[in-house]
């Protein structure tokens, strides 16, 4: 029927880890993210 607009919402849960070290003007760092993002729009037939 054409281009239709649908409203919705989302949920995000996550955890971030970060480590950085500096010595003699040298810098190194590492980061890790574990997350989960879900969404629900009005065109979803099951509402989940």
ModelCIF file with pLDDT and N, C-alpha, C, O atoms, coordinates in Angstrom:
data_MODEL
#
_entry.id   MODEL 
#
_entity.id                         1 
_entity.type                       polymer 
_entity.pdbx_number_of_molecules   1 
#
_entity_poly.entity_id                      1 
_entity_poly.type                           'polypeptide(L)' 
_entity_poly.nstd_linkage                   no 
_entity_poly.nstd_monomer                   no 
_entity_poly.pdbx_seq_one_letter_code       
;(UNK)(UNK)(UNK)(UNK)(UNK)(UNK)(UNK)(UNK)(UNK)(UNK)(UNK)(UNK)(UNK)(UNK)(UNK)(UNK)
(UNK)(UNK)(UNK)(UNK)(UNK)(UNK)(UNK)(UNK)(UNK)(UNK)(UNK)(UNK)(UNK)(UNK)(UNK)(UNK)
(UNK)(UNK)(UNK)(UNK)(UNK)(UNK)(UNK)(UNK)(UNK)(UNK)(UNK)(UNK)(UNK)(UNK)(UNK)(UNK)
;
_entity_poly.pdbx_seq_one_letter_code_can   XXXXXXXXXXXXXXXXXXXXXXXXXXXXXXXXXXXXXXXXXXXXXXXX 
_entity_poly.pdbx_strand_id                 A 
#
loop_
_entity_poly_seq.entity_id 
_entity_poly_seq.num 
_entity_poly_seq.mon_id 
_entity_poly_seq.hetero 
1 1  UNK n 
1 2  UNK n 
1 3  UNK n 
1 4  UNK n 
1 5  UNK n 
1 6  UNK n 
1 7  UNK n 
1 8  UNK n 
1 9  UNK n 
1 10 UNK n 
1 11 UNK n 
1 12 UNK n 
1 13 UNK n 
1 14 UNK n 
1 15 UNK n 
1 16 UNK n 
1 17 UNK n 
1 18 UNK n 
1 19 UNK n 
1 20 UNK n 
1 21 UNK n 
1 22 UNK n 
1 23 UNK n 
1 24 UNK n 
1 25 UNK n 
1 26 UNK n 
1 27 UNK n 
1 28 UNK n 
1 29 UNK n 
1 30 UNK n 
1 31 UNK n 
1 32 UNK n 
1 33 UNK n 
1 34 UNK n 
1 35 UNK n 
1 36 UNK n 
1 37 UNK n 
1 38 UNK n 
1 39 UNK n 
1 40 UNK n 
1 41 UNK n 
1 42 UNK n 
1 43 UNK n 
1 44 UNK n 
1 45 UNK n 
1 46 UNK n 
1 47 UNK n 
1 48 UNK n 
#
_struct_asym.id          A 
_struct_asym.entity_id   1 
#
loop_
_ma_qa_metric.id 
_ma_qa_metric.mode 
_ma_qa_metric.name 
_ma_qa_metric.software_group_id 
_ma_qa_metric.type 
1 global pLDDT . pLDDT 
2 local  pLDDT . pLDDT 
#
_ma_qa_metric_global.metric_id      1 
_ma_qa_metric_global.metric_value   92.25 
_ma_qa_metric_global.model_id       1 
_ma_qa_metric_global.ordinal_id     1 
#
loop_
_ma_qa_metric_local.label_asym_id 
_ma_qa_metric_local.label_comp_id 
_ma_qa_metric_local.label_seq_id 
_ma_qa_metric_local.metric_id 
_ma_qa_metric_local.metric_value 
_ma_qa_metric_local.model_id 
_ma_qa_metric_local.ordinal_id 
A UNK 1  2 79.00 1 1  
A UNK 2  2 81.00 1 2  
A UNK 3  2 82.00 1 3  
A UNK 4  2 84.00 1 4  
A UNK 5  2 83.00 1 5  
A UNK 6  2 87.00 1 6  
A UNK 7  2 89.00 1 7  
A UNK 8  2 92.00 1 8  
A UNK 9  2 95.00 1 9  
A UNK 10 2 95.00 1 10 
A UNK 11 2 96.00 1 11 
A UNK 12 2 97.00 1 12 
A UNK 13 2 97.00 1 13 
A UNK 14 2 97.00 1 14 
A UNK 15 2 98.00 1 15 
A UNK 16 2 98.00 1 16 
A UNK 17 2 98.00 1 17 
A UNK 18 2 98.00 1 18 
A UNK 19 2 98.00 1 19 
A UNK 20 2 97.00 1 20 
A UNK 21 2 96.00 1 21 
A UNK 22 2 93.00 1 22 
A UNK 23 2 87.00 1 23 
A UNK 24 2 84.00 1 24 
A UNK 25 2 82.00 1 25 
A UNK 26 2 93.00 1 26 
A UNK 27 2 96.00 1 27 
A UNK 28 2 97.00 1 28 
A UNK 29 2 97.00 1 29 
A UNK 30 2 98.00 1 30 
A UNK 31 2 98.00 1 31 
A UNK 32 2 98.00 1 32 
A UNK 33 2 97.00 1 33 
A UNK 34 2 97.00 1 34 
A UNK 35 2 97.00 1 35 
A UNK 36 2 96.00 1 36 
A UNK 37 2 96.00 1 37 
A UNK 38 2 95.00 1 38 
A UNK 39 2 94.00 1 39 
A UNK 40 2 94.00 1 40 
A UNK 41 2 92.00 1 41 
A UNK 42 2 89.00 1 42 
A UNK 43 2 88.00 1 43 
A UNK 44 2 88.00 1 44 
A UNK 45 2 84.00 1 45 
A UNK 46 2 86.00 1 46 
A UNK 47 2 86.00 1 47 
A UNK 48 2 89.00 1 48 
#
loop_
_atom_site.group_PDB 
_atom_site.id 
_atom_site.type_symbol 
_atom_site.label_atom_id 
_atom_site.label_alt_id 
_atom_site.label_comp_id 
_atom_site.label_asym_id 
_atom_site.label_entity_id 
_atom_site.label_seq_id 
_atom_site.pdbx_PDB_ins_code 
_atom_site.Cartn_x 
_atom_site.Cartn_y 
_atom_site.Cartn_z 
_atom_site.occupancy 
_atom_site.B_iso_or_equiv 
_atom_site.pdbx_formal_charge 
_atom_site.auth_seq_id 
_atom_site.auth_comp_id 
_atom_site.auth_asym_id 
_atom_site.auth_atom_id 
_atom_site.pdbx_PDB_model_num 
ATOM 1   N N  . UNK A 1 1  ? 0.809  -1.225  0.000  1.00 79.00 ? 1  UNK A N  1 
ATOM 2   C CA . UNK A 1 1  ? 0.000  0.000   0.000  1.00 79.00 ? 1  UNK A CA 1 
ATOM 3   C C  . UNK A 1 1  ? 0.842  1.274   0.000  1.00 79.00 ? 1  UNK A C  1 
ATOM 4   O O  . UNK A 1 1  ? 0.303  2.381   -0.009 1.00 79.00 ? 1  UNK A O  1 
ATOM 5   N N  . UNK A 1 2  ? 2.163  1.115   0.010  1.00 81.00 ? 2  UNK A N  1 
ATOM 6   C CA . UNK A 1 2  ? 3.040  2.272   0.000  1.00 81.00 ? 2  UNK A CA 1 
ATOM 7   C C  . UNK A 1 2  ? 3.986  2.272   1.184  1.00 81.00 ? 2  UNK A C  1 
ATOM 8   O O  . UNK A 1 2  ? 4.136  1.258   1.866  1.00 81.00 ? 2  UNK A O  1 
ATOM 9   N N  . UNK A 1 3  ? 4.628  3.411   1.431  1.00 82.00 ? 3  UNK A N  1 
ATOM 10  C CA . UNK A 1 3  ? 5.562  3.557   2.545  1.00 82.00 ? 3  UNK A CA 1 
ATOM 11  C C  . UNK A 1 3  ? 4.801  3.938   3.807  1.00 82.00 ? 3  UNK A C  1 
ATOM 12  O O  . UNK A 1 3  ? 4.191  5.006   3.871  1.00 82.00 ? 3  UNK A O  1 
ATOM 13  N N  . UNK A 1 4  ? 4.835  3.065   4.809  1.00 84.00 ? 4  UNK A N  1 
ATOM 14  C CA . UNK A 1 4  ? 4.108  3.292   6.045  1.00 84.00 ? 4  UNK A CA 1 
ATOM 15  C C  . UNK A 1 4  ? 5.067  3.480   7.220  1.00 84.00 ? 4  UNK A C  1 
ATOM 16  O O  . UNK A 1 4  ? 6.145  2.885   7.252  1.00 84.00 ? 4  UNK A O  1 
ATOM 17  N N  . UNK A 1 5  ? 4.669  4.306   8.178  1.00 83.00 ? 5  UNK A N  1 
ATOM 18  C CA . UNK A 1 5  ? 5.476  4.557   9.373  1.00 83.00 ? 5  UNK A CA 1 
ATOM 19  C C  . UNK A 1 5  ? 4.888  3.790   10.553 1.00 83.00 ? 5  UNK A C  1 
ATOM 20  O O  . UNK A 1 5  ? 3.673  3.780   10.750 1.00 83.00 ? 5  UNK A O  1 
ATOM 21  N N  . UNK A 1 6  ? 5.766  3.138   11.347 1.00 87.00 ? 6  UNK A N  1 
ATOM 22  C CA . UNK A 1 6  ? 5.336  2.364   12.511 1.00 87.00 ? 6  UNK A CA 1 
ATOM 23  C C  . UNK A 1 6  ? 6.139  2.815   13.718 1.00 87.00 ? 6  UNK A C  1 
ATOM 24  O O  . UNK A 1 6  ? 7.349  3.023   13.630 1.00 87.00 ? 6  UNK A O  1 
ATOM 25  N N  . UNK A 1 7  ? 5.454  2.965   14.853 1.00 89.00 ? 7  UNK A N  1 
ATOM 26  C CA . UNK A 1 7  ? 6.148  3.375   16.069 1.00 89.00 ? 7  UNK A CA 1 
ATOM 27  C C  . UNK A 1 7  ? 6.631  2.144   16.833 1.00 89.00 ? 7  UNK A C  1 
ATOM 28  O O  . UNK A 1 7  ? 6.115  1.040   16.660 1.00 89.00 ? 7  UNK A O  1 
ATOM 29  N N  . UNK A 1 8  ? 7.643  2.368   17.689 1.00 92.00 ? 8  UNK A N  1 
ATOM 30  C CA . UNK A 1 8  ? 8.213  1.249   18.423 1.00 92.00 ? 8  UNK A CA 1 
ATOM 31  C C  . UNK A 1 8  ? 9.067  1.693   19.589 1.00 92.00 ? 8  UNK A C  1 
ATOM 32  O O  . UNK A 1 8  ? 9.167  2.881   19.896 1.00 92.00 ? 8  UNK A O  1 
ATOM 33  N N  . UNK A 1 9  ? 9.683  0.714   20.234 1.00 95.00 ? 9  UNK A N  1 
ATOM 34  C CA . UNK A 1 9  ? 10.562 0.968   21.372 1.00 95.00 ? 9  UNK A CA 1 
ATOM 35  C C  . UNK A 1 9  ? 11.662 -0.087  21.384 1.00 95.00 ? 9  UNK A C  1 
ATOM 36  O O  . UNK A 1 9  ? 11.551 -1.114  20.714 1.00 95.00 ? 9  UNK A O  1 
ATOM 37  N N  . UNK A 1 10 ? 12.719 0.166   22.143 1.00 95.00 ? 10 UNK A N  1 
ATOM 38  C CA . UNK A 1 10 ? 13.826 -0.781  22.230 1.00 95.00 ? 10 UNK A CA 1 
ATOM 39  C C  . UNK A 1 10 ? 14.358 -0.850  23.654 1.00 95.00 ? 10 UNK A C  1 
ATOM 40  O O  . UNK A 1 10 ? 14.191 0.078   24.445 1.00 95.00 ? 10 UNK A O  1 
ATOM 41  N N  . UNK A 1 11 ? 15.002 -1.974  23.963 1.00 96.00 ? 11 UNK A N  1 
ATOM 42  C CA . UNK A 1 11 ? 15.630 -2.181  25.269 1.00 96.00 ? 11 UNK A CA 1 
ATOM 43  C C  . UNK A 1 11 ? 17.056 -2.685  25.047 1.00 96.00 ? 11 UNK A C  1 
ATOM 44  O O  . UNK A 1 11 ? 17.308 -3.546  24.203 1.00 96.00 ? 11 UNK A O  1 
ATOM 45  N N  . UNK A 1 12 ? 17.980 -2.123  25.830 1.00 97.00 ? 12 UNK A N  1 
ATOM 46  C CA . UNK A 1 12 ? 19.388 -2.506  25.719 1.00 97.00 ? 12 UNK A CA 1 
ATOM 47  C C  . UNK A 1 12 ? 19.944 -2.801  27.103 1.00 97.00 ? 12 UNK A C  1 
ATOM 48  O O  . UNK A 1 12 ? 19.739 -2.033  28.043 1.00 97.00 ? 12 UNK A O  1 
ATOM 49  N N  . UNK A 1 13 ? 20.644 -3.911  27.219 1.00 97.00 ? 13 UNK A N  1 
ATOM 50  C CA . UNK A 1 13 ? 21.384 -4.244  28.438 1.00 97.00 ? 13 UNK A CA 1 
ATOM 51  C C  . UNK A 1 13 ? 22.808 -4.603  28.027 1.00 97.00 ? 13 UNK A C  1 
ATOM 52  O O  . UNK A 1 13 ? 23.018 -5.253  27.002 1.00 97.00 ? 13 UNK A O  1 
ATOM 53  N N  . UNK A 1 14 ? 23.780 -4.183  28.822 1.00 97.00 ? 14 UNK A N  1 
ATOM 54  C CA . UNK A 1 14 ? 25.152 -4.505  28.463 1.00 97.00 ? 14 UNK A CA 1 
ATOM 55  C C  . UNK A 1 14 ? 26.126 -4.239  29.589 1.00 97.00 ? 14 UNK A C  1 
ATOM 56  O O  . UNK A 1 14 ? 25.774 -3.684  30.630 1.00 97.00 ? 14 UNK A O  1 
ATOM 57  N N  . UNK A 1 15 ? 27.369 -4.651  29.353 1.00 98.00 ? 15 UNK A N  1 
ATOM 58  C CA . UNK A 1 15 ? 28.446 -4.416  30.307 1.00 98.00 ? 15 UNK A CA 1 
ATOM 59  C C  . UNK A 1 15 ? 29.724 -4.130  29.523 1.00 98.00 ? 15 UNK A C  1 
ATOM 60  O O  . UNK A 1 15 ? 30.032 -4.812  28.545 1.00 98.00 ? 15 UNK A O  1 
ATOM 61  N N  . UNK A 1 16 ? 30.460 -3.114  29.963 1.00 98.00 ? 16 UNK A N  1 
ATOM 62  C CA . UNK A 1 16 ? 31.705 -2.692  29.316 1.00 98.00 ? 16 UNK A CA 1 
ATOM 63  C C  . UNK A 1 16 ? 32.891 -2.971  30.235 1.00 98.00 ? 16 UNK A C  1 
ATOM 64  O O  . UNK A 1 16 ? 32.831 -2.731  31.441 1.00 98.00 ? 16 UNK A O  1 
ATOM 65  N N  . UNK A 1 17 ? 33.968 -3.482  29.643 1.00 98.00 ? 17 UNK A N  1 
ATOM 66  C CA . UNK A 1 17 ? 35.238 -3.681  30.349 1.00 98.00 ? 17 UNK A CA 1 
ATOM 67  C C  . UNK A 1 17 ? 36.308 -2.861  29.647 1.00 98.00 ? 17 UNK A C  1 
ATOM 68  O O  . UNK A 1 17 ? 36.363 -2.824  28.418 1.00 98.00 ? 17 UNK A O  1 
ATOM 69  N N  . UNK A 1 18 ? 37.163 -2.201  30.432 1.00 98.00 ? 18 UNK A N  1 
ATOM 70  C CA . UNK A 1 18 ? 38.189 -1.331  29.846 1.00 98.00 ? 18 UNK A CA 1 
ATOM 71  C C  . UNK A 1 18 ? 39.465 -1.405  30.675 1.00 98.00 ? 18 UNK A C  1 
ATOM 72  O O  . UNK A 1 18 ? 39.425 -1.329  31.904 1.00 98.00 ? 18 UNK A O  1 
ATOM 73  N N  . UNK A 1 19 ? 40.601 -1.556  29.988 1.00 98.00 ? 19 UNK A N  1 
ATOM 74  C CA . UNK A 1 19 ? 41.917 -1.571  30.651 1.00 98.00 ? 19 UNK A CA 1 
ATOM 75  C C  . UNK A 1 19 ? 42.893 -0.762  29.798 1.00 98.00 ? 19 UNK A C  1 
ATOM 76  O O  . UNK A 1 19 ? 42.981 -0.958  28.586 1.00 98.00 ? 19 UNK A O  1 
ATOM 77  N N  . UNK A 1 20 ? 43.629 0.156   30.446 1.00 97.00 ? 20 UNK A N  1 
ATOM 78  C CA . UNK A 1 20 ? 44.626 0.959   29.744 1.00 97.00 ? 20 UNK A CA 1 
ATOM 79  C C  . UNK A 1 20 ? 45.897 1.026   30.569 1.00 97.00 ? 20 UNK A C  1 
ATOM 80  O O  . UNK A 1 20 ? 45.853 1.130   31.795 1.00 97.00 ? 20 UNK A O  1 
ATOM 81  N N  . UNK A 1 21 ? 47.037 0.966   29.878 1.00 96.00 ? 21 UNK A N  1 
ATOM 82  C CA . UNK A 1 21 ? 48.311 1.089   30.569 1.00 96.00 ? 21 UNK A CA 1 
ATOM 83  C C  . UNK A 1 21 ? 49.187 2.097   29.837 1.00 96.00 ? 21 UNK A C  1 
ATOM 84  O O  . UNK A 1 21 ? 49.180 2.155   28.607 1.00 96.00 ? 21 UNK A O  1 
ATOM 85  N N  . UNK A 1 22 ? 49.943 2.892   30.596 1.00 93.00 ? 22 UNK A N  1 
ATOM 86  C CA . UNK A 1 22 ? 50.842 3.896   30.041 1.00 93.00 ? 22 UNK A CA 1 
ATOM 87  C C  . UNK A 1 22 ? 52.207 3.759   30.703 1.00 93.00 ? 22 UNK A C  1 
ATOM 88  O O  . UNK A 1 22 ? 52.301 3.655   31.926 1.00 93.00 ? 22 UNK A O  1 
ATOM 89  N N  . UNK A 1 23 ? 53.265 3.760   29.893 1.00 87.00 ? 23 UNK A N  1 
ATOM 90  C CA . UNK A 1 23 ? 54.626 3.717   30.433 1.00 87.00 ? 23 UNK A CA 1 
ATOM 91  C C  . UNK A 1 23 ? 55.584 4.267   29.378 1.00 87.00 ? 23 UNK A C  1 
ATOM 92  O O  . UNK A 1 23 ? 55.497 3.915   28.201 1.00 87.00 ? 23 UNK A O  1 
ATOM 93  N N  . UNK A 1 24 ? 56.486 5.123   29.807 1.00 84.00 ? 24 UNK A N  1 
ATOM 94  C CA . UNK A 1 24 ? 57.506 5.705   28.938 1.00 84.00 ? 24 UNK A CA 1 
ATOM 95  C C  . UNK A 1 24 ? 56.898 6.278   27.654 1.00 84.00 ? 24 UNK A C  1 
ATOM 96  O O  . UNK A 1 24 ? 57.415 6.036   26.563 1.00 84.00 ? 24 UNK A O  1 
ATOM 97  N N  . UNK A 1 25 ? 55.826 7.019   27.776 1.00 82.00 ? 25 UNK A N  1 
ATOM 98  C CA . UNK A 1 25 ? 55.134 7.673   26.668 1.00 82.00 ? 25 UNK A CA 1 
ATOM 99  C C  . UNK A 1 25 ? 54.503 6.687   25.684 1.00 82.00 ? 25 UNK A C  1 
ATOM 100 O O  . UNK A 1 25 ? 54.159 7.066   24.564 1.00 82.00 ? 25 UNK A O  1 
ATOM 101 N N  . UNK A 1 26 ? 54.350 5.446   26.087 1.00 93.00 ? 26 UNK A N  1 
ATOM 102 C CA . UNK A 1 26 ? 53.659 4.452   25.270 1.00 93.00 ? 26 UNK A CA 1 
ATOM 103 C C  . UNK A 1 26 ? 52.296 4.165   25.911 1.00 93.00 ? 26 UNK A C  1 
ATOM 104 O O  . UNK A 1 26 ? 52.180 4.106   27.135 1.00 93.00 ? 26 UNK A O  1 
ATOM 105 N N  . UNK A 1 27 ? 51.286 3.991   25.087 1.00 96.00 ? 27 UNK A N  1 
ATOM 106 C CA . UNK A 1 27 ? 49.936 3.773   25.588 1.00 96.00 ? 27 UNK A CA 1 
ATOM 107 C C  . UNK A 1 27 ? 49.300 2.583   24.878 1.00 96.00 ? 27 UNK A C  1 
ATOM 108 O O  . UNK A 1 27 ? 49.353 2.475   23.653 1.00 96.00 ? 27 UNK A O  1 
ATOM 109 N N  . UNK A 1 28 ? 48.697 1.690   25.664 1.00 97.00 ? 28 UNK A N  1 
ATOM 110 C CA . UNK A 1 28 ? 47.981 0.546   25.113 1.00 97.00 ? 28 UNK A CA 1 
ATOM 111 C C  . UNK A 1 28 ? 46.663 0.392   25.872 1.00 97.00 ? 28 UNK A C  1 
ATOM 112 O O  . UNK A 1 28 ? 46.622 0.576   27.088 1.00 97.00 ? 28 UNK A O  1 
ATOM 113 N N  . UNK A 1 29 ? 45.598 0.058   25.168 1.00 97.00 ? 29 UNK A N  1 
ATOM 114 C CA . UNK A 1 29 ? 44.343 -0.171  25.856 1.00 97.00 ? 29 UNK A CA 1 
ATOM 115 C C  . UNK A 1 29 ? 43.501 -1.204  25.109 1.00 97.00 ? 29 UNK A C  1 
ATOM 116 O O  . UNK A 1 29 ? 43.655 -1.417  23.907 1.00 97.00 ? 29 UNK A O  1 
ATOM 117 N N  . UNK A 1 30 ? 42.619 -1.825  25.858 1.00 98.00 ? 30 UNK A N  1 
ATOM 118 C CA . UNK A 1 30 ? 41.710 -2.829  25.303 1.00 98.00 ? 30 UNK A CA 1 
ATOM 119 C C  . UNK A 1 30 ? 40.344 -2.647  25.960 1.00 98.00 ? 30 UNK A C  1 
ATOM 120 O O  . UNK A 1 30 ? 40.257 -2.366  27.155 1.00 98.00 ? 30 UNK A O  1 
ATOM 121 N N  . UNK A 1 31 ? 39.296 -2.807  25.188 1.00 98.00 ? 31 UNK A N  1 
ATOM 122 C CA . UNK A 1 31 ? 37.941 -2.712  25.724 1.00 98.00 ? 31 UNK A CA 1 
ATOM 123 C C  . UNK A 1 31 ? 37.087 -3.831  25.129 1.00 98.00 ? 31 UNK A C  1 
ATOM 124 O O  . UNK A 1 31 ? 37.312 -4.286  24.008 1.00 98.00 ? 31 UNK A O  1 
ATOM 125 N N  . UNK A 1 32 ? 36.116 -4.252  25.907 1.00 98.00 ? 32 UNK A N  1 
ATOM 126 C CA . UNK A 1 32 ? 35.213 -5.319  25.460 1.00 98.00 ? 32 UNK A CA 1 
ATOM 127 C C  . UNK A 1 32 ? 33.799 -4.984  25.919 1.00 98.00 ? 32 UNK A C  1 
ATOM 128 O O  . UNK A 1 32 ? 33.589 -4.573  27.060 1.00 98.00 ? 32 UNK A O  1 
ATOM 129 N N  . UNK A 1 33 ? 32.840 -5.161  25.032 1.00 97.00 ? 33 UNK A N  1 
ATOM 130 C CA . UNK A 1 33 ? 31.435 -4.905  25.336 1.00 97.00 ? 33 UNK A CA 1 
ATOM 131 C C  . UNK A 1 33 ? 30.603 -6.145  25.058 1.00 97.00 ? 33 UNK A C  1 
ATOM 132 O O  . UNK A 1 33 ? 30.678 -6.734  23.980 1.00 97.00 ? 33 UNK A O  1 
ATOM 133 N N  . UNK A 1 34 ? 29.816 -6.527  26.040 1.00 97.00 ? 34 UNK A N  1 
ATOM 134 C CA . UNK A 1 34 ? 28.832 -7.596  25.887 1.00 97.00 ? 34 UNK A CA 1 
ATOM 135 C C  . UNK A 1 34 ? 27.464 -6.950  26.046 1.00 97.00 ? 34 UNK A C  1 
ATOM 136 O O  . UNK A 1 34 ? 27.176 -6.377  27.097 1.00 97.00 ? 34 UNK A O  1 
ATOM 137 N N  . UNK A 1 35 ? 26.616 -7.029  25.025 1.00 97.00 ? 35 UNK A N  1 
ATOM 138 C CA . UNK A 1 35 ? 25.343 -6.321  25.087 1.00 97.00 ? 35 UNK A CA 1 
ATOM 139 C C  . UNK A 1 35 ? 24.255 -7.086  24.332 1.00 97.00 ? 35 UNK A C  1 
ATOM 140 O O  . UNK A 1 35 ? 24.518 -8.019  23.573 1.00 97.00 ? 35 UNK A O  1 
ATOM 141 N N  . UNK A 1 36 ? 23.028 -6.644  24.580 1.00 96.00 ? 36 UNK A N  1 
ATOM 142 C CA . UNK A 1 36 ? 21.866 -7.222  23.900 1.00 96.00 ? 36 UNK A CA 1 
ATOM 143 C C  . UNK A 1 36 ? 20.844 -6.118  23.698 1.00 96.00 ? 36 UNK A C  1 
ATOM 144 O O  . UNK A 1 36 ? 20.476 -5.425  24.647 1.00 96.00 ? 36 UNK A O  1 
ATOM 145 N N  . UNK A 1 37 ? 20.380 -5.952  22.454 1.00 96.00 ? 37 UNK A N  1 
ATOM 146 C CA . UNK A 1 37 ? 19.393 -4.929  22.127 1.00 96.00 ? 37 UNK A CA 1 
ATOM 147 C C  . UNK A 1 37 ? 18.201 -5.566  21.436 1.00 96.00 ? 37 UNK A C  1 
ATOM 148 O O  . UNK A 1 37 ? 18.350 -6.252  20.425 1.00 96.00 ? 37 UNK A O  1 
ATOM 149 N N  . UNK A 1 38 ? 17.028 -5.336  21.985 1.00 95.00 ? 38 UNK A N  1 
ATOM 150 C CA . UNK A 1 38 ? 15.795 -5.858  21.384 1.00 95.00 ? 38 UNK A CA 1 
ATOM 151 C C  . UNK A 1 38 ? 14.854 -4.704  21.071 1.00 95.00 ? 38 UNK A C  1 
ATOM 152 O O  . UNK A 1 38 ? 14.988 -3.616  21.630 1.00 95.00 ? 38 UNK A O  1 
ATOM 153 N N  . UNK A 1 39 ? 13.903 -4.946  20.175 1.00 94.00 ? 39 UNK A N  1 
ATOM 154 C CA . UNK A 1 39 ? 12.981 -3.899  19.763 1.00 94.00 ? 39 UNK A CA 1 
ATOM 155 C C  . UNK A 1 39 ? 11.596 -4.477  19.512 1.00 94.00 ? 39 UNK A C  1 
ATOM 156 O O  . UNK A 1 39 ? 11.439 -5.673  19.270 1.00 94.00 ? 39 UNK A O  1 
ATOM 157 N N  . UNK A 1 40 ? 10.603 -3.609  19.573 1.00 94.00 ? 40 UNK A N  1 
ATOM 158 C CA . UNK A 1 40 ? 9.220  -4.009  19.303 1.00 94.00 ? 40 UNK A CA 1 
ATOM 159 C C  . UNK A 1 40 ? 8.528  -2.889  18.546 1.00 94.00 ? 40 UNK A C  1 
ATOM 160 O O  . UNK A 1 40 ? 8.454  -1.765  19.041 1.00 94.00 ? 40 UNK A O  1 
ATOM 161 N N  . UNK A 1 41 ? 8.021  -3.178  17.351 1.00 92.00 ? 41 UNK A N  1 
ATOM 162 C CA . UNK A 1 41 ? 7.305  -2.197  16.537 1.00 92.00 ? 41 UNK A CA 1 
ATOM 163 C C  . UNK A 1 41 ? 5.861  -2.637  16.348 1.00 92.00 ? 41 UNK A C  1 
ATOM 164 O O  . UNK A 1 41 ? 5.528  -3.813  16.498 1.00 92.00 ? 41 UNK A O  1 
ATOM 165 N N  . UNK A 1 42 ? 5.020  -1.682  16.022 1.00 89.00 ? 42 UNK A N  1 
ATOM 166 C CA . UNK A 1 42 ? 3.588  -1.950  15.930 1.00 89.00 ? 42 UNK A CA 1 
ATOM 167 C C  . UNK A 1 42 ? 3.228  -2.888  14.790 1.00 89.00 ? 42 UNK A C  1 
ATOM 168 O O  . UNK A 1 42 ? 2.122  -3.427  14.777 1.00 89.00 ? 42 UNK A O  1 
ATOM 169 N N  . UNK A 1 43 ? 4.124  -3.102  13.831 1.00 88.00 ? 43 UNK A N  1 
ATOM 170 C CA . UNK A 1 43 ? 3.811  -4.035  12.750 1.00 88.00 ? 43 UNK A CA 1 
ATOM 171 C C  . UNK A 1 43 ? 4.224  -5.472  13.079 1.00 88.00 ? 43 UNK A C  1 
ATOM 172 O O  . UNK A 1 43 ? 3.992  -6.372  12.272 1.00 88.00 ? 43 UNK A O  1 
ATOM 173 N N  . UNK A 1 44 ? 4.835  -5.706  14.258 1.00 88.00 ? 44 UNK A N  1 
ATOM 174 C CA . UNK A 1 44 ? 5.149  -7.073  14.671 1.00 88.00 ? 44 UNK A CA 1 
ATOM 175 C C  . UNK A 1 44 ? 3.833  -7.775  15.016 1.00 88.00 ? 44 UNK A C  1 
ATOM 176 O O  . UNK A 1 44 ? 3.069  -7.286  15.849 1.00 88.00 ? 44 UNK A O  1 
ATOM 177 N N  . UNK A 1 45 ? 3.573  -8.894  14.391 1.00 84.00 ? 45 UNK A N  1 
ATOM 178 C CA . UNK A 1 45 ? 2.273  -9.556  14.567 1.00 84.00 ? 45 UNK A CA 1 
ATOM 179 C C  . UNK A 1 45 ? 2.105  -10.194 15.937 1.00 84.00 ? 45 UNK A C  1 
ATOM 180 O O  . UNK A 1 45 ? 0.977  -10.319 16.414 1.00 84.00 ? 45 UNK A O  1 
ATOM 181 N N  . UNK A 1 46 ? 3.203  -10.607 16.589 1.00 86.00 ? 46 UNK A N  1 
ATOM 182 C CA . UNK A 1 46 ? 3.081  -11.278 17.883 1.00 86.00 ? 46 UNK A CA 1 
ATOM 183 C C  . UNK A 1 46 ? 3.255  -10.326 19.063 1.00 86.00 ? 46 UNK A C  1 
ATOM 184 O O  . UNK A 1 46 ? 3.047  -10.731 20.207 1.00 86.00 ? 46 UNK A O  1 
ATOM 185 N N  . UNK A 1 47 ? 3.635  -9.062  18.814 1.00 86.00 ? 47 UNK A N  1 
ATOM 186 C CA . UNK A 1 47 ? 3.785  -8.088  19.879 1.00 86.00 ? 47 UNK A CA 1 
ATOM 187 C C  . UNK A 1 47 ? 4.973  -8.314  20.783 1.00 86.00 ? 47 UNK A C  1 
ATOM 188 O O  . UNK A 1 47 ? 5.071  -7.681  21.835 1.00 86.00 ? 47 UNK A O  1 
ATOM 189 N N  . UNK A 1 48 ? 5.890  -9.208  20.401 1.00 89.00 ? 48 UNK A N  1 
ATOM 190 C CA . UNK A 1 48 ? 7.043  -9.524  21.247 1.00 89.00 ? 48 UNK A CA 1 
ATOM 191 C C  . UNK A 1 48 ? 8.271  -8.725  20.814 1.00 89.00 ? 48 UNK A C  1 
ATOM 192 O O  . UNK A 1 48 ? 9.339  -8.861  21.412 1.00 89.00 ? 48 UNK A O  1 
#
